[in-house]
N, C-alpha and C. Protein backbone atom coordinates (compact mmCIF):
# COMPACT_ATOMS: atom_id res chain seq x y z
N UNK A 1 -87.70 89.70 62.33
CA UNK A 1 -86.54 89.24 63.03
C UNK A 1 -85.80 89.42 61.52
N UNK A 2 -84.46 89.08 62.19
CA UNK A 2 -83.80 89.49 60.52
C UNK A 2 -83.65 87.73 59.43
N UNK A 3 -83.55 88.77 58.42
CA UNK A 3 -83.93 87.58 57.42
C UNK A 3 -82.55 86.56 57.38
N UNK A 4 -81.32 86.93 58.18
CA UNK A 4 -80.34 86.09 58.09
C UNK A 4 -80.11 85.00 59.26
N UNK A 5 -81.16 85.48 59.95
CA UNK A 5 -81.66 84.59 61.54
C UNK A 5 -82.66 83.95 61.47
N UNK A 6 -83.26 83.68 59.76
CA UNK A 6 -84.53 82.79 60.38
C UNK A 6 -84.34 81.47 60.52
N UNK A 7 -85.72 80.45 60.86
CA UNK A 7 -85.00 79.25 61.62
C UNK A 7 -85.41 78.32 59.99
N UNK A 8 -84.91 78.59 59.07
CA UNK A 8 -86.13 77.62 58.03
C UNK A 8 -84.99 76.83 57.53
N UNK A 9 -83.45 76.88 58.03
CA UNK A 9 -82.38 76.16 57.48
C UNK A 9 -81.09 77.10 57.19
N UNK A 10 -80.16 76.17 56.16
CA UNK A 10 -79.12 76.88 55.99
C UNK A 10 -79.42 77.93 54.64
N UNK A 11 -78.24 79.19 54.87
CA UNK A 11 -78.54 80.15 54.45
C UNK A 11 -77.25 80.16 53.38
N UNK A 12 -77.55 79.94 52.00
CA UNK A 12 -76.17 80.29 51.30
C UNK A 12 -75.60 81.38 50.83
N UNK A 13 -74.27 81.11 49.97
CA UNK A 13 -73.81 82.89 50.52
C UNK A 13 -74.88 84.05 50.04
N UNK A 14 -74.00 84.88 50.10
CA UNK A 14 -75.03 85.86 49.75
C UNK A 14 -74.82 86.35 47.97
N UNK A 15 -75.90 87.11 47.93
CA UNK A 15 -75.42 87.55 46.18
C UNK A 15 -74.38 88.60 46.13
N UNK A 16 -73.98 88.87 47.06
CA UNK A 16 -72.12 89.51 47.47
C UNK A 16 -70.89 88.79 46.84
N UNK A 17 -71.01 87.80 48.04
CA UNK A 17 -70.60 86.41 47.83
C UNK A 17 -70.10 86.11 46.58
N UNK A 18 -71.32 85.70 46.39
CA UNK A 18 -71.12 84.76 44.79
C UNK A 18 -70.67 85.57 43.78
N UNK A 19 -70.91 87.61 43.74
CA UNK A 19 -70.54 88.11 42.24
C UNK A 19 -69.14 88.13 42.68
N UNK A 20 -68.28 88.49 43.79
CA UNK A 20 -66.66 88.47 44.20
C UNK A 20 -66.20 87.70 43.98
N UNK A 21 -66.70 86.12 44.25
CA UNK A 21 -66.62 85.04 43.70
C UNK A 21 -66.32 84.40 42.41
N UNK A 22 -67.34 85.25 41.56
CA UNK A 22 -66.84 85.00 40.20
C UNK A 22 -66.05 86.12 39.45
N UNK A 23 -65.75 86.94 39.98
CA UNK A 23 -64.42 88.04 39.57
C UNK A 23 -63.36 87.43 40.48
N UNK A 24 -63.08 87.38 41.05
CA UNK A 24 -61.74 86.29 41.28
C UNK A 24 -61.56 85.21 40.34
N UNK A 25 -62.42 84.91 40.48
CA UNK A 25 -62.31 83.40 39.26
C UNK A 25 -62.22 83.92 38.15
N UNK A 26 -62.23 84.84 37.51
CA UNK A 26 -61.97 85.56 36.33
C UNK A 26 -60.74 85.91 36.56
N UNK A 27 -60.81 86.62 37.12
CA UNK A 27 -59.04 87.90 37.07
C UNK A 27 -57.98 85.91 37.32
N UNK A 28 -58.24 85.39 38.26
CA UNK A 28 -57.36 84.15 38.15
C UNK A 28 -57.17 83.64 37.39
N UNK A 29 -58.39 83.15 36.41
CA UNK A 29 -58.06 82.02 35.07
C UNK A 29 -57.55 83.03 33.97
N UNK A 30 -57.97 84.55 34.19
CA UNK A 30 -56.53 85.07 33.37
C UNK A 30 -55.06 85.22 33.85
N UNK A 31 -54.58 85.05 34.82
CA UNK A 31 -53.00 85.15 35.72
C UNK A 31 -52.88 83.86 35.66
N UNK A 32 -53.57 82.54 35.61
CA UNK A 32 -53.09 81.38 35.80
C UNK A 32 -52.90 81.21 33.91
N UNK A 33 -53.03 81.30 33.51
CA UNK A 33 -53.15 81.61 31.65
C UNK A 33 -51.64 82.61 31.22
N UNK A 34 -51.47 83.85 31.55
CA UNK A 34 -50.05 84.50 30.81
C UNK A 34 -48.93 83.90 31.87
N UNK A 35 -49.44 83.38 33.16
CA UNK A 35 -48.20 83.53 34.63
C UNK A 35 -47.73 82.06 33.77
N UNK A 36 -45.80 82.74 33.83
CA UNK A 36 -45.14 81.15 33.50
C UNK A 36 -44.74 80.95 35.20
N UNK A 37 -44.82 79.84 35.66
CA UNK A 37 -44.32 79.24 37.20
C UNK A 37 -42.99 78.50 37.18
N UNK A 38 -42.05 79.09 38.13
CA UNK A 38 -40.64 77.81 38.30
C UNK A 38 -41.25 76.30 38.90
N UNK A 39 -42.40 76.46 39.50
CA UNK A 39 -42.45 75.35 40.11
C UNK A 39 -43.30 74.27 39.02
N UNK A 40 -42.45 73.04 39.36
CA UNK A 40 -42.37 71.99 38.51
C UNK A 40 -43.64 71.29 38.47
N UNK A 41 -44.24 71.15 39.51
CA UNK A 41 -46.19 71.00 39.22
C UNK A 41 -46.48 71.73 38.64
N UNK A 42 -46.05 73.38 38.29
CA UNK A 42 -46.95 73.84 37.06
C UNK A 42 -46.59 74.25 35.75
N UNK A 43 -45.48 74.04 36.00
CA UNK A 43 -44.42 74.17 34.38
C UNK A 43 -45.11 73.00 33.40
N UNK A 44 -45.88 73.68 32.27
CA UNK A 44 -46.92 72.82 31.47
C UNK A 44 -48.18 72.55 31.56
N UNK A 45 -49.05 73.06 32.58
CA UNK A 45 -49.91 72.49 33.29
C UNK A 45 -50.75 73.10 32.95
N UNK A 46 -52.09 73.55 32.04
CA UNK A 46 -53.36 73.97 32.56
C UNK A 46 -54.32 73.88 33.30
N UNK A 47 -54.56 74.63 34.00
CA UNK A 47 -55.31 74.52 35.69
C UNK A 47 -57.03 75.21 35.37
N UNK A 48 -57.83 74.42 35.49
CA UNK A 48 -58.96 74.99 35.79
C UNK A 48 -59.80 75.29 36.74
N UNK A 49 -60.01 76.57 36.81
CA UNK A 49 -60.45 77.04 38.17
C UNK A 49 -62.21 76.59 38.20
N UNK A 50 -62.66 76.08 38.75
CA UNK A 50 -63.85 75.63 38.75
C UNK A 50 -65.22 76.33 39.72
N UNK A 51 -64.51 76.48 41.07
CA UNK A 51 -64.97 77.79 41.81
C UNK A 51 -64.83 78.59 42.93
N UNK A 52 -65.11 79.70 42.91
CA UNK A 52 -64.18 80.09 43.95
C UNK A 52 -65.39 80.37 44.96
N UNK A 53 -65.27 79.98 46.43
CA UNK A 53 -66.08 80.55 47.16
C UNK A 53 -65.28 81.30 48.47
N UNK A 54 -66.45 82.34 48.84
CA UNK A 54 -65.35 83.83 49.88
C UNK A 54 -66.55 83.45 50.64
N UNK A 55 -65.68 84.42 51.63
CA UNK A 55 -66.30 84.27 53.57
C UNK A 55 -67.23 84.84 53.08
N UNK A 56 -67.94 85.29 54.38
CA UNK A 56 -69.19 86.57 54.57
C UNK A 56 -68.14 88.16 54.16
N UNK A 57 -66.84 88.34 54.73
CA UNK A 57 -66.63 89.47 54.92
C UNK A 57 -65.71 89.97 54.02
N UNK A 58 -65.65 88.65 52.48
CA UNK A 58 -64.83 88.62 51.11
C UNK A 58 -63.11 88.80 51.92
N UNK A 59 -62.34 88.45 53.25
CA UNK A 59 -61.06 88.57 52.83
C UNK A 59 -60.33 86.95 53.02
N UNK A 60 -60.96 86.20 52.97
CA UNK A 60 -61.01 84.99 52.35
C UNK A 60 -61.71 84.23 50.98
N UNK A 61 -60.55 83.34 50.45
CA UNK A 61 -61.56 82.74 49.07
C UNK A 61 -60.96 81.09 50.01
N UNK A 62 -61.96 80.53 48.87
CA UNK A 62 -61.42 78.80 48.77
C UNK A 62 -61.58 78.86 47.48
N UNK A 63 -60.88 78.22 46.40
CA UNK A 63 -60.11 78.10 45.44
C UNK A 63 -60.62 76.49 44.75
N UNK A 64 -61.10 76.30 44.43
CA UNK A 64 -61.34 74.59 43.92
C UNK A 64 -60.84 75.04 42.49
N UNK A 65 -59.64 74.05 42.08
CA UNK A 65 -59.14 74.07 40.79
C UNK A 65 -58.71 72.27 40.51
N UNK A 66 -58.93 71.97 39.34
CA UNK A 66 -58.12 70.94 38.40
C UNK A 66 -57.32 70.95 37.47
N UNK A 67 -56.43 70.16 37.27
CA UNK A 67 -55.58 70.29 35.73
C UNK A 67 -56.71 69.79 34.93
N UNK A 68 -56.32 70.55 33.74
CA UNK A 68 -57.09 69.73 32.26
C UNK A 68 -56.77 67.86 32.33
N UNK A 69 -57.83 67.84 31.71
CA UNK A 69 -57.90 66.17 31.53
C UNK A 69 -56.43 65.27 31.23
N UNK A 70 -55.94 64.80 32.33
CA UNK A 70 -54.95 63.60 32.28
C UNK A 70 -53.54 64.78 32.15
N UNK A 71 -53.42 65.86 32.49
CA UNK A 71 -52.52 66.46 32.75
C UNK A 71 -51.79 66.47 33.66
N UNK A 72 -52.41 66.23 34.79
CA UNK A 72 -51.48 65.69 36.49
C UNK A 72 -52.29 65.39 37.55
N UNK A 73 -51.84 65.50 38.52
CA UNK A 73 -52.58 65.12 40.06
C UNK A 73 -52.99 66.12 40.97
N UNK A 74 -54.08 66.31 40.62
CA UNK A 74 -55.15 67.26 40.96
C UNK A 74 -54.75 68.26 42.56
N UNK A 75 -54.33 66.92 44.20
CA UNK A 75 -53.89 67.34 44.61
C UNK A 75 -52.15 67.53 44.31
N UNK A 76 -51.53 67.90 43.84
CA UNK A 76 -49.93 68.15 43.81
C UNK A 76 -50.44 69.52 42.89
N UNK A 77 -51.00 69.92 42.09
CA UNK A 77 -51.40 71.35 41.35
C UNK A 77 -52.11 72.25 42.59
N UNK A 78 -52.57 71.45 43.46
CA UNK A 78 -53.50 72.75 43.80
C UNK A 78 -52.55 73.05 45.33
N UNK A 79 -51.41 71.88 45.94
CA UNK A 79 -50.69 72.56 46.96
C UNK A 79 -49.36 73.28 46.21
N UNK A 80 -49.15 73.45 45.09
CA UNK A 80 -48.51 74.00 44.28
C UNK A 80 -48.66 75.54 43.95
N UNK A 81 -49.90 75.21 43.89
CA UNK A 81 -50.42 77.24 44.14
C UNK A 81 -50.60 77.91 45.04
N UNK A 82 -50.73 76.89 45.99
CA UNK A 82 -51.14 77.09 47.73
C UNK A 82 -49.73 77.51 47.87
N UNK A 83 -48.62 76.95 47.09
CA UNK A 83 -47.60 78.00 47.41
C UNK A 83 -47.25 78.63 46.84
N UNK A 84 -47.96 78.99 45.36
CA UNK A 84 -47.77 79.86 44.97
C UNK A 84 -49.13 81.45 45.32
N UNK A 85 -49.74 80.69 46.57
CA UNK A 85 -50.59 81.97 46.45
C UNK A 85 -50.18 83.52 47.08
N UNK A 86 -49.05 83.71 47.92
CA UNK A 86 -49.02 84.97 48.04
C UNK A 86 -48.63 85.97 46.54
N UNK A 87 -47.64 85.09 45.28
CA UNK A 87 -47.81 85.64 44.43
C UNK A 87 -49.33 86.19 43.49
N UNK A 88 -49.68 84.90 43.65
CA UNK A 88 -51.14 85.11 43.11
C UNK A 88 -52.06 86.02 43.72
N UNK A 89 -52.12 86.54 44.58
CA UNK A 89 -52.89 87.37 45.82
C UNK A 89 -52.55 88.64 44.94
N UNK A 90 -50.91 88.49 45.28
CA UNK A 90 -50.41 90.34 44.02
C UNK A 90 -50.99 90.83 43.60
N UNK A 91 -50.92 89.48 42.10
CA UNK A 91 -51.16 89.82 40.91
C UNK A 91 -52.77 89.53 40.97
N UNK A 92 -53.39 89.35 41.79
CA UNK A 92 -54.64 89.72 41.75
C UNK A 92 -55.23 90.94 42.02
N UNK A 93 -54.59 91.19 43.25
CA UNK A 93 -55.03 92.28 43.76
C UNK A 93 -54.76 93.71 42.77
N UNK A 94 -53.89 93.50 41.99
CA UNK A 94 -53.61 94.27 41.40
C UNK A 94 -54.99 94.58 39.41
N UNK A 95 -55.54 93.31 39.88
CA UNK A 95 -56.44 93.23 38.77
C UNK A 95 -57.05 93.20 38.74
N UNK A 96 -57.98 93.14 40.09
CA UNK A 96 -59.39 93.48 40.33
C UNK A 96 -60.12 94.46 41.34
N UNK A 97 -60.82 94.73 41.30
CA UNK A 97 -61.30 96.14 42.50
C UNK A 97 -62.29 96.19 43.59
N UNK A 98 -60.90 95.21 44.51
CA UNK A 98 -61.98 95.03 45.78
C UNK A 98 -61.22 95.98 46.95
N UNK A 99 -62.03 96.10 47.68
CA UNK A 99 -61.63 96.61 49.01
C UNK A 99 -60.46 96.06 49.40
N UNK A 100 -60.53 94.20 49.53
CA UNK A 100 -59.56 93.78 49.59
C UNK A 100 -59.27 92.51 49.34
N UNK A 101 -58.06 92.66 48.87
CA UNK A 101 -57.66 91.04 48.06
C UNK A 101 -57.75 89.87 49.40
N UNK A 102 -58.52 89.44 48.85
CA UNK A 102 -58.75 88.00 49.28
C UNK A 102 -57.29 86.80 49.81
N UNK A 103 -57.51 86.37 51.53
CA UNK A 103 -56.55 85.45 51.04
C UNK A 103 -57.02 83.93 50.24
N UNK A 104 -56.12 83.47 49.49
CA UNK A 104 -56.40 82.33 48.36
C UNK A 104 -55.67 80.96 49.03
N UNK A 105 -56.84 79.56 49.47
CA UNK A 105 -56.78 79.11 49.55
C UNK A 105 -57.00 78.04 48.25
N UNK A 106 -56.64 76.98 47.86
CA UNK A 106 -56.51 76.10 46.72
C UNK A 106 -56.94 75.06 46.90
N UNK A 107 -57.90 74.62 46.47
CA UNK A 107 -57.86 72.97 47.54
C UNK A 107 -58.60 71.87 45.78
N UNK A 108 -58.06 70.82 45.41
CA UNK A 108 -58.35 70.04 44.70
C UNK A 108 -59.79 70.08 44.25
N UNK A 109 -60.44 70.42 43.37
CA UNK A 109 -61.86 69.98 42.80
C UNK A 109 -62.09 68.47 42.62
N UNK A 110 -62.90 67.79 43.46
CA UNK A 110 -62.79 66.76 42.60
C UNK A 110 -64.82 66.46 42.47
N UNK A 111 -65.30 67.81 41.77
CA UNK A 111 -66.38 67.04 40.80
C UNK A 111 -66.62 66.74 39.70
N UNK A 112 -65.44 66.94 39.52
CA UNK A 112 -65.26 66.52 37.97
C UNK A 112 -65.31 64.80 37.98
N UNK A 113 -64.53 64.03 38.92
CA UNK A 113 -64.30 62.99 39.50
C UNK A 113 -66.00 62.32 39.62
N UNK A 114 -66.62 63.07 40.28
CA UNK A 114 -67.24 62.89 40.98
C UNK A 114 -68.83 62.40 39.82
N UNK A 115 -68.77 63.58 38.90
CA UNK A 115 -69.84 63.38 37.45
C UNK A 115 -69.14 62.48 36.85
N UNK A 116 -68.01 61.86 36.66
CA UNK A 116 -67.71 61.22 35.89
C UNK A 116 -68.34 59.87 36.40
N UNK A 117 -67.89 59.35 37.80
CA UNK A 117 -68.44 58.20 38.31
C UNK A 117 -69.61 58.15 38.87
N UNK A 118 -70.71 59.33 38.39
CA UNK A 118 -71.94 59.23 38.68
C UNK A 118 -72.23 58.62 37.26
N UNK A 119 -71.87 59.15 36.18
CA UNK A 119 -71.81 59.07 34.80
C UNK A 119 -72.24 57.33 34.43
N UNK A 120 -71.08 56.97 34.75
CA UNK A 120 -70.75 55.46 34.59
C UNK A 120 -71.65 53.98 35.15
N UNK A 121 -71.47 55.02 36.20
CA UNK A 121 -72.96 54.23 37.29
C UNK A 121 -74.41 54.04 36.76
N UNK A 122 -74.73 55.33 35.96
CA UNK A 122 -75.73 55.90 35.34
C UNK A 122 -75.80 54.67 33.77
N UNK A 123 -74.54 54.74 33.34
CA UNK A 123 -74.52 53.93 32.46
C UNK A 123 -74.46 52.56 32.63
N UNK A 124 -74.16 51.96 34.12
CA UNK A 124 -74.36 50.55 33.97
C UNK A 124 -75.86 50.38 34.49
N UNK A 125 -76.43 51.23 35.02
CA UNK A 125 -77.42 50.63 35.49
C UNK A 125 -79.17 51.00 34.13
N UNK A 126 -78.28 51.91 33.87
CA UNK A 126 -78.91 51.82 31.99
C UNK A 126 -78.83 50.14 31.04
N UNK A 127 -77.46 50.39 31.18
CA UNK A 127 -77.19 48.55 30.69
C UNK A 127 -77.93 47.35 31.44
N UNK A 128 -77.94 47.70 32.64
CA UNK A 128 -78.26 46.13 32.97
C UNK A 128 -80.25 45.93 33.42
N UNK A 129 -80.80 47.10 33.11
CA UNK A 129 -82.55 47.26 32.59
C UNK A 129 -82.33 47.44 31.82
N UNK A 130 -81.54 47.42 30.42
CA UNK A 130 -81.99 47.35 28.99
C UNK A 130 -82.13 48.72 28.48
N UNK A 131 -81.76 49.80 29.21
CA UNK A 131 -82.21 50.69 28.42
C UNK A 131 -81.16 51.11 27.39
N UNK A 132 -81.80 51.82 26.26
CA UNK A 132 -80.84 52.65 25.28
C UNK A 132 -81.18 53.89 25.04
N UNK A 133 -79.46 54.61 24.77
CA UNK A 133 -79.92 55.79 24.96
C UNK A 133 -80.66 56.04 23.70
N UNK A 134 -80.53 55.85 22.62
CA UNK A 134 -81.20 56.06 21.53
C UNK A 134 -82.96 55.80 21.50
N UNK A 135 -83.64 55.47 22.61
CA UNK A 135 -85.26 55.37 22.99
C UNK A 135 -85.41 56.72 23.17
């Protein structure tokens, strides 16, 4: 039986997808650091690329992005990057060595907000239980 079709549960991304995602992420970080954008939602905003998930055929990539702390609204930045995705894809194609340059779709990365909320929740539980961080 093929390993991909075993009944052991959901299968995560392949090593190839992970490698391609990291390649795209590094290239996008470099492009976003060097380029100037006309879109007002992107002007003067430093963008963090948290993760890139590629499809199994590597033709599509979902990019999780967020502005650096306190810069602006994550959804507005993701929408602006989606408007600039064809421009970014062109730059990406010249910078990476892949058979296909993936179509890019940007989503606001909520993982930082979720981590902050979890930290606050754990702090409140520790405070209520009388635990000290020094112990």
